[in-house]
PDB file of all heavy atoms in Angstrom:
ATOM      1  N   GLY A   1      -3.318  -4.397   5.186  1.00  0.00           N
ATOM      2  CA  GLY A   1      -3.580  -3.308   6.115  1.00  0.00           C
ATOM      3  C   GLY A   1      -2.366  -2.762   6.823  1.00  0.00           C
ATOM      4  O   GLY A   1      -2.486  -1.754   7.549  1.00  0.00           O
ATOM      5  N   ASP A   2      -1.215  -3.352   6.644  1.00  0.00           N
ATOM      6  CA  ASP A   2       0.012  -2.823   7.282  1.00  0.00           C
ATOM      7  C   ASP A   2       0.286  -1.433   6.732  1.00  0.00           C
ATOM      8  O   ASP A   2       0.132  -1.138   5.550  1.00  0.00           O
ATOM      9  CB  ASP A   2       1.204  -3.728   6.962  1.00  0.00           C
ATOM     10  CG  ASP A   2       1.218  -4.987   7.809  1.00  0.00           C
ATOM     11  OD1 ASP A   2       0.347  -5.106   8.698  1.00  0.00           O
ATOM     12  OD2 ASP A   2       2.101  -5.846   7.541  1.00  0.00           O
ATOM     13  N   GLU A   3       0.754  -0.551   7.624  1.00  0.00           N
ATOM     14  CA  GLU A   3       1.111   0.795   7.247  1.00  0.00           C
ATOM     15  C   GLU A   3       2.632   0.903   7.087  1.00  0.00           C
ATOM     16  O   GLU A   3       3.409   0.283   7.848  1.00  0.00           O
ATOM     17  CB  GLU A   3       0.606   1.788   8.313  1.00  0.00           C
ATOM     18  CG  GLU A   3      -0.924   1.856   8.358  1.00  0.00           C
ATOM     19  CD  GLU A   3      -1.393   2.997   9.222  1.00  0.00           C
ATOM     20  OE1 GLU A   3      -0.577   3.597   9.984  1.00  0.00           O
ATOM     21  OE2 GLU A   3      -2.623   3.296   9.202  1.00  0.00           O
ATOM     22  N   ILE A   4       3.029   1.679   6.080  1.00  0.00           N
ATOM     23  CA  ILE A   4       4.470   1.870   5.803  1.00  0.00           C
ATOM     24  C   ILE A   4       4.731   3.380   5.790  1.00  0.00           C
ATOM     25  O   ILE A   4       4.105   4.120   5.027  1.00  0.00           O
ATOM     26  CB  ILE A   4       4.793   1.284   4.415  1.00  0.00           C
ATOM     27  CG1 ILE A   4       4.396  -0.218   4.358  1.00  0.00           C
ATOM     28  CG2 ILE A   4       6.290   1.461   4.098  1.00  0.00           C
ATOM     29  CD1 ILE A   4       4.308  -0.723   2.927  1.00  0.00           C
ATOM     30  N   ASP A   5       5.628   3.802   6.621  1.00  0.00           N
ATOM     31  CA  ASP A   5       6.030   5.214   6.702  1.00  0.00           C
ATOM     32  C   ASP A   5       7.009   5.497   5.563  1.00  0.00           C
ATOM     33  O   ASP A   5       8.121   4.980   5.551  1.00  0.00           O
ATOM     34  CB  ASP A   5       6.670   5.497   8.045  1.00  0.00           C
ATOM     35  CG  ASP A   5       7.053   6.955   8.228  1.00  0.00           C
ATOM     36  OD1 ASP A   5       6.804   7.759   7.301  1.00  0.00           O
ATOM     37  OD2 ASP A   5       7.621   7.295   9.290  1.00  0.00           O
ATOM     38  N   LEU A   6       6.595   6.301   4.593  1.00  0.00           N
ATOM     39  CA  LEU A   6       7.459   6.636   3.450  1.00  0.00           C
ATOM     40  C   LEU A   6       8.283   7.896   3.704  1.00  0.00           C
ATOM     41  O   LEU A   6       9.055   8.299   2.829  1.00  0.00           O
ATOM     42  CB  LEU A   6       6.609   6.820   2.179  1.00  0.00           C
ATOM     43  CG  LEU A   6       5.748   5.633   1.742  1.00  0.00           C
ATOM     44  CD1 LEU A   6       5.115   5.928   0.394  1.00  0.00           C
ATOM     45  CD2 LEU A   6       6.552   4.340   1.714  1.00  0.00           C
ATOM     46  N   GLY A   7       8.110   8.475   4.866  1.00  0.00           N
ATOM     47  CA  GLY A   7       8.835   9.718   5.175  1.00  0.00           C
ATOM     48  C   GLY A   7       8.073  10.955   4.725  1.00  0.00           C
ATOM     49  O   GLY A   7       7.148  10.877   3.893  1.00  0.00           O
ATOM     50  N   GLY A   8       8.431  12.064   5.290  1.00  0.00           N
ATOM     51  CA  GLY A   8       7.814  13.318   4.884  1.00  0.00           C
ATOM     52  C   GLY A   8       6.322  13.379   5.182  1.00  0.00           C
ATOM     53  O   GLY A   8       5.592  14.130   4.539  1.00  0.00           O
ATOM     54  N   GLY A   9       5.880  12.608   6.159  1.00  0.00           N
ATOM     55  CA  GLY A   9       4.482  12.636   6.544  1.00  0.00           C
ATOM     56  C   GLY A   9       3.562  11.768   5.658  1.00  0.00           C
ATOM     57  O   GLY A   9       2.355  11.809   5.801  1.00  0.00           O
ATOM     58  N   THR A  10       4.144  10.948   4.793  1.00  0.00           N
ATOM     59  CA  THR A  10       3.345  10.101   3.890  1.00  0.00           C
ATOM     60  C   THR A  10       3.294   8.665   4.436  1.00  0.00           C
ATOM     61  O   THR A  10       4.327   8.072   4.740  1.00  0.00           O
ATOM     62  CB  THR A  10       3.960  10.098   2.487  1.00  0.00           C
ATOM     63  OG1 THR A  10       3.954  11.422   1.945  1.00  0.00           O
ATOM     64  CG2 THR A  10       3.173   9.182   1.563  1.00  0.00           C
ATOM     65  N   THR A  11       2.094   8.162   4.524  1.00  0.00           N
ATOM     66  CA  THR A  11       1.872   6.771   4.943  1.00  0.00           C
ATOM     67  C   THR A  11       1.261   5.992   3.810  1.00  0.00           C
ATOM     68  O   THR A  11       0.276   6.459   3.190  1.00  0.00           O
ATOM     69  CB  THR A  11       0.939   6.701   6.174  1.00  0.00           C
ATOM     70  OG1 THR A  11       1.594   7.403   7.265  1.00  0.00           O
ATOM     71  CG2 THR A  11       0.694   5.277   6.587  1.00  0.00           C
ATOM     72  N   ALA A  12       1.799   4.815   3.523  1.00  0.00           N
ATOM     73  CA  ALA A  12       1.214   3.911   2.532  1.00  0.00           C
ATOM     74  C   ALA A  12       0.587   2.744   3.272  1.00  0.00           C
ATOM     75  O   ALA A  12       1.045   2.347   4.369  1.00  0.00           O
ATOM     76  CB  ALA A  12       2.317   3.398   1.568  1.00  0.00           C
ATOM     77  N   VAL A  13      -0.448   2.181   2.674  1.00  0.00           N
ATOM     78  CA  VAL A  13      -1.131   1.039   3.254  1.00  0.00           C
ATOM     79  C   VAL A  13      -0.986  -0.149   2.299  1.00  0.00           C
ATOM     80  O   VAL A  13      -1.268  -0.021   1.100  1.00  0.00           O
ATOM     81  CB  VAL A  13      -2.637   1.331   3.484  1.00  0.00           C
ATOM     82  CG1 VAL A  13      -3.333   0.107   4.050  1.00  0.00           C
ATOM     83  CG2 VAL A  13      -2.817   2.536   4.377  1.00  0.00           C
ATOM     84  N   ALA A  14      -0.506  -1.252   2.822  1.00  0.00           N
ATOM     85  CA  ALA A  14      -0.375  -2.488   2.015  1.00  0.00           C
ATOM     86  C   ALA A  14      -1.776  -3.105   1.830  1.00  0.00           C
ATOM     87  O   ALA A  14      -2.531  -3.208   2.799  1.00  0.00           O
ATOM     88  CB  ALA A  14       0.543  -3.477   2.716  1.00  0.00           C
ATOM     89  N   VAL A  15      -2.092  -3.451   0.614  1.00  0.00           N
ATOM     90  CA  VAL A  15      -3.370  -4.067   0.283  1.00  0.00           C
ATOM     91  C   VAL A  15      -3.074  -5.445  -0.324  1.00  0.00           C
ATOM     92  O   VAL A  15      -2.525  -5.528  -1.404  1.00  0.00           O
ATOM     93  CB  VAL A  15      -4.178  -3.202  -0.711  1.00  0.00           C
ATOM     94  CG1 VAL A  15      -5.545  -3.861  -0.988  1.00  0.00           C
ATOM     95  CG2 VAL A  15      -4.346  -1.779  -0.191  1.00  0.00           C
ATOM     96  N   ALA A  16      -3.411  -6.497   0.397  1.00  0.00           N
ATOM     97  CA  ALA A  16      -3.214  -7.832  -0.138  1.00  0.00           C
ATOM     98  C   ALA A  16      -3.961  -7.979  -1.475  1.00  0.00           C
ATOM     99  O   ALA A  16      -5.167  -7.637  -1.533  1.00  0.00           O
ATOM    100  CB  ALA A  16      -3.667  -8.899   0.871  1.00  0.00           C
ATOM    101  N   ALA A  17      -3.281  -8.466  -2.502  1.00  0.00           N
ATOM    102  CA  ALA A  17      -3.846  -8.508  -3.842  1.00  0.00           C
ATOM    103  C   ALA A  17      -3.609  -9.842  -4.493  1.00  0.00           C
ATOM    104  O   ALA A  17      -3.054  -9.950  -5.586  1.00  0.00           O
ATOM    105  CB  ALA A  17      -3.230  -7.380  -4.682  1.00  0.00           C
ATOM    106  N   PRO A  18      -4.057 -10.936  -3.854  1.00  0.00           N
ATOM    107  CA  PRO A  18      -3.772 -12.276  -4.377  1.00  0.00           C
ATOM    108  C   PRO A  18      -4.503 -12.534  -5.711  1.00  0.00           C
ATOM    109  O   PRO A  18      -5.549 -11.977  -5.974  1.00  0.00           O
ATOM    110  CB  PRO A  18      -4.271 -13.193  -3.273  1.00  0.00           C
ATOM    111  CG  PRO A  18      -5.389 -12.400  -2.608  1.00  0.00           C
ATOM    112  CD  PRO A  18      -4.890 -10.990  -2.640  1.00  0.00           C
ATOM    113  N   GLY A  19      -3.923 -13.429  -6.441  1.00  0.00           N
ATOM    114  CA  GLY A  19      -4.532 -13.844  -7.709  1.00  0.00           C
ATOM    115  C   GLY A  19      -3.521 -13.841  -8.836  1.00  0.00           C
ATOM    116  O   GLY A  19      -3.347 -14.821  -9.518  1.00  0.00           O
ATOM    117  N   HIS A  20      -2.853 -12.716  -9.010  1.00  0.00           N
ATOM    118  CA  HIS A  20      -1.747 -12.692  -9.995  1.00  0.00           C
ATOM    119  C   HIS A  20      -0.656 -13.638  -9.541  1.00  0.00           C
ATOM    120  O   HIS A  20      -0.142 -14.479 -10.279  1.00  0.00           O
ATOM    121  CB  HIS A  20      -1.224 -11.277 -10.207  1.00  0.00           C
ATOM    122  CG  HIS A  20      -0.183 -11.202 -11.285  1.00  0.00           C
ATOM    123  ND1 HIS A  20      -0.433 -11.440 -12.594  1.00  0.00           N
ATOM    124  CD2 HIS A  20       1.156 -10.928 -11.206  1.00  0.00           C
ATOM    125  CE1 HIS A  20       0.674 -11.322 -13.283  1.00  0.00           C
ATOM    126  NE2 HIS A  20       1.659 -11.012 -12.483  1.00  0.00           N
ATOM    127  N   THR A  21      -0.293 -13.499  -8.264  1.00  0.00           N
ATOM    128  CA  THR A  21       0.516 -14.467  -7.539  1.00  0.00           C
ATOM    129  C   THR A  21      -0.107 -14.593  -6.169  1.00  0.00           C
ATOM    130  O   THR A  21      -0.929 -13.757  -5.778  1.00  0.00           O
ATOM    131  CB  THR A  21       2.003 -13.995  -7.393  1.00  0.00           C
ATOM    132  OG1 THR A  21       2.047 -12.840  -6.552  1.00  0.00           O
ATOM    133  CG2 THR A  21       2.617 -13.665  -8.753  1.00  0.00           C
ATOM    134  N   PRO A  22       0.265 -15.612  -5.390  1.00  0.00           N
ATOM    135  CA  PRO A  22      -0.356 -15.769  -4.079  1.00  0.00           C
ATOM    136  C   PRO A  22      -0.154 -14.576  -3.158  1.00  0.00           C
ATOM    137  O   PRO A  22      -1.025 -14.218  -2.371  1.00  0.00           O
ATOM    138  CB  PRO A  22       0.310 -17.023  -3.515  1.00  0.00           C
ATOM    139  CG  PRO A  22       0.752 -17.797  -4.725  1.00  0.00           C
ATOM    140  CD  PRO A  22       1.143 -16.763  -5.721  1.00  0.00           C
ATOM    141  N   GLY A  23       1.007 -13.947  -3.276  1.00  0.00           N
ATOM    142  CA  GLY A  23       1.330 -12.846  -2.372  1.00  0.00           C
ATOM    143  C   GLY A  23       1.521 -11.530  -3.074  1.00  0.00           C
ATOM    144  O   GLY A  23       2.297 -10.679  -2.643  1.00  0.00           O
ATOM    145  N   SER A  24       0.794 -11.317  -4.154  1.00  0.00           N
ATOM    146  CA  SER A  24       0.832  -9.956  -4.765  1.00  0.00           C
ATOM    147  C   SER A  24       0.292  -8.966  -3.742  1.00  0.00           C
ATOM    148  O   SER A  24      -0.598  -9.254  -2.954  1.00  0.00           O
ATOM    149  CB  SER A  24      -0.038  -9.930  -6.042  1.00  0.00           C
ATOM    150  OG  SER A  24       0.560 -10.587  -7.110  1.00  0.00           O
ATOM    151  N   VAL A  25       0.882  -7.763  -3.785  1.00  0.00           N
ATOM    152  CA  VAL A  25       0.457  -6.716  -2.863  1.00  0.00           C
ATOM    153  C   VAL A  25       0.420  -5.429  -3.589  1.00  0.00           C
ATOM    154  O   VAL A  25       1.243  -5.118  -4.417  1.00  0.00           O
ATOM    155  CB  VAL A  25       1.397  -6.646  -1.634  1.00  0.00           C
ATOM    156  CG1 VAL A  25       2.808  -6.207  -2.032  1.00  0.00           C
ATOM    157  CG2 VAL A  25       0.844  -5.737  -0.544  1.00  0.00           C
ATOM    158  N   ALA A  26      -0.648  -4.644  -3.367  1.00  0.00           N
ATOM    159  CA  ALA A  26      -0.790  -3.299  -3.869  1.00  0.00           C
ATOM    160  C   ALA A  26      -0.400  -2.319  -2.747  1.00  0.00           C
ATOM    161  O   ALA A  26      -0.315  -2.699  -1.575  1.00  0.00           O
ATOM    162  CB  ALA A  26      -2.197  -3.031  -4.344  1.00  0.00           C
ATOM    163  N   LEU A  27      -0.127  -1.107  -3.146  1.00  0.00           N
ATOM    164  CA  LEU A  27       0.258  -0.070  -2.174  1.00  0.00           C
ATOM    165  C   LEU A  27      -0.670   1.130  -2.417  1.00  0.00           C
ATOM    166  O   LEU A  27      -0.721   1.645  -3.539  1.00  0.00           O
ATOM    167  CB  LEU A  27       1.701   0.326  -2.410  1.00  0.00           C
ATOM    168  CG  LEU A  27       2.523   0.883  -1.234  1.00  0.00           C
ATOM    169  CD1 LEU A  27       2.585  -0.161  -0.101  1.00  0.00           C
ATOM    170  CD2 LEU A  27       3.900   1.266  -1.674  1.00  0.00           C
ATOM    171  N   HIS A  28      -1.362   1.559  -1.352  1.00  0.00           N
ATOM    172  CA  HIS A  28      -2.286   2.705  -1.461  1.00  0.00           C
ATOM    173  C   HIS A  28      -1.813   3.845  -0.571  1.00  0.00           C
ATOM    174  O   HIS A  28      -1.537   3.613   0.625  1.00  0.00           O
ATOM    175  CB  HIS A  28      -3.678   2.247  -1.012  1.00  0.00           C
ATOM    176  CG  HIS A  28      -4.750   3.291  -1.208  1.00  0.00           C
ATOM    177  ND1 HIS A  28      -5.783   3.454  -0.314  1.00  0.00           N
ATOM    178  CD2 HIS A  28      -4.953   4.196  -2.185  1.00  0.00           C
ATOM    179  CE1 HIS A  28      -6.541   4.434  -0.737  1.00  0.00           C
ATOM    180  NE2 HIS A  28      -6.087   4.902  -1.875  1.00  0.00           N
ATOM    181  N   LEU A  29      -1.708   5.025  -1.150  1.00  0.00           N
ATOM    182  CA  LEU A  29      -1.365   6.212  -0.409  1.00  0.00           C
ATOM    183  C   LEU A  29      -2.632   7.031  -0.320  1.00  0.00           C
ATOM    184  O   LEU A  29      -2.944   7.840  -1.223  1.00  0.00           O
ATOM    185  CB  LEU A  29      -0.257   6.996  -1.123  1.00  0.00           C
ATOM    186  CG  LEU A  29       1.187   6.520  -0.974  1.00  0.00           C
ATOM    187  CD1 LEU A  29       1.363   5.072  -1.449  1.00  0.00           C
ATOM    188  CD2 LEU A  29       2.133   7.447  -1.732  1.00  0.00           C
ATOM    189  N   PRO A  30      -3.431   6.850   0.720  1.00  0.00           N
ATOM    190  CA  PRO A  30      -4.758   7.469   0.738  1.00  0.00           C
ATOM    191  C   PRO A  30      -4.746   8.974   0.728  1.00  0.00           C
ATOM    192  O   PRO A  30      -5.594   9.606   0.048  1.00  0.00           O
ATOM    193  CB  PRO A  30      -5.406   6.923   2.008  1.00  0.00           C
ATOM    194  CG  PRO A  30      -4.299   6.390   2.826  1.00  0.00           C
ATOM    195  CD  PRO A  30      -3.211   5.993   1.905  1.00  0.00           C
ATOM    196  N   ASP A  31      -3.843   9.606   1.462  1.00  0.00           N
ATOM    197  CA  ASP A  31      -3.819  11.066   1.503  1.00  0.00           C
ATOM    198  C   ASP A  31      -3.394  11.655   0.162  1.00  0.00           C
ATOM    199  O   ASP A  31      -3.915  12.722  -0.249  1.00  0.00           O
ATOM    200  CB  ASP A  31      -2.884  11.546   2.608  1.00  0.00           C
ATOM    201  CG  ASP A  31      -3.405  11.258   4.013  1.00  0.00           C
ATOM    202  OD1 ASP A  31      -4.647  10.978   4.133  1.00  0.00           O
ATOM    203  OD2 ASP A  31      -2.615  11.257   4.949  1.00  0.00           O
ATOM    204  N   GLU A  32      -2.480  10.994  -0.516  1.00  0.00           N
ATOM    205  CA  GLU A  32      -2.001  11.471  -1.842  1.00  0.00           C
ATOM    206  C   GLU A  32      -2.845  10.933  -2.984  1.00  0.00           C
ATOM    207  O   GLU A  32      -2.647  11.323  -4.134  1.00  0.00           O
ATOM    208  CB  GLU A  32      -0.543  11.068  -2.033  1.00  0.00           C
ATOM    209  CG  GLU A  32       0.428  11.861  -1.201  1.00  0.00           C
ATOM    210  CD  GLU A  32       0.424  11.429   0.279  1.00  0.00           C
ATOM    211  OE1 GLU A  32      -0.108  10.341   0.574  1.00  0.00           O
ATOM    212  OE2 GLU A  32       0.947  12.191   1.089  1.00  0.00           O
ATOM    213  N   ARG A  33      -3.755   9.994  -2.676  1.00  0.00           N
ATOM    214  CA  ARG A  33      -4.646   9.398  -3.645  1.00  0.00           C
ATOM    215  C   ARG A  33      -3.889   8.739  -4.815  1.00  0.00           C
ATOM    216  O   ARG A  33      -4.144   8.943  -5.985  1.00  0.00           O
ATOM    217  CB  ARG A  33      -5.656  10.427  -4.202  1.00  0.00           C
ATOM    218  CG  ARG A  33      -6.502  11.066  -3.109  1.00  0.00           C
ATOM    219  CD  ARG A  33      -7.533  12.014  -3.707  1.00  0.00           C
ATOM    220  NE  ARG A  33      -8.514  11.293  -4.469  1.00  0.00           N
ATOM    221  CZ  ARG A  33      -9.073  11.735  -5.604  1.00  0.00           C
ATOM    222  NH1 ARG A  33      -8.675  12.890  -6.113  1.00  0.00           N
ATOM    223  NH2 ARG A  33      -9.941  11.019  -6.244  1.00  0.00           N
ATOM    224  N   VAL A  34      -2.877   7.946  -4.422  1.00  0.00           N
ATOM    225  CA  VAL A  34      -2.045   7.199  -5.346  1.00  0.00           C
ATOM    226  C   VAL A  34      -2.180   5.700  -5.035  1.00  0.00           C
ATOM    227  O   VAL A  34      -2.197   5.298  -3.855  1.00  0.00           O
ATOM    228  CB  VAL A  34      -0.570   7.623  -5.240  1.00  0.00           C
ATOM    229  CG1 VAL A  34       0.327   6.726  -6.130  1.00  0.00           C
ATOM    230  CG2 VAL A  34      -0.404   9.081  -5.669  1.00  0.00           C
ATOM    231  N   LEU A  35      -2.266   4.903  -6.103  1.00  0.00           N
ATOM    232  CA  LEU A  35      -2.404   3.432  -5.935  1.00  0.00           C
ATOM    233  C   LEU A  35      -1.395   2.754  -6.855  1.00  0.00           C
ATOM    234  O   LEU A  35      -1.360   3.025  -8.047  1.00  0.00           O
ATOM    235  CB  LEU A  35      -3.817   3.007  -6.291  1.00  0.00           C
ATOM    236  CG  LEU A  35      -4.095   1.498  -6.281  1.00  0.00           C
ATOM    237  CD1 LEU A  35      -3.993   0.938  -4.876  1.00  0.00           C
ATOM    238  CD2 LEU A  35      -5.506   1.227  -6.864  1.00  0.00           C
TER     239      LEU A  35
END
């Protein structure tokens, strides 16, 4: 759920994605609809 400011008005949301490794993380850009 952490938010990451990518600049230019774009915010990414960290999505914990355990299983592949304990700390795998996905990145979701909800406004741009990119995962």
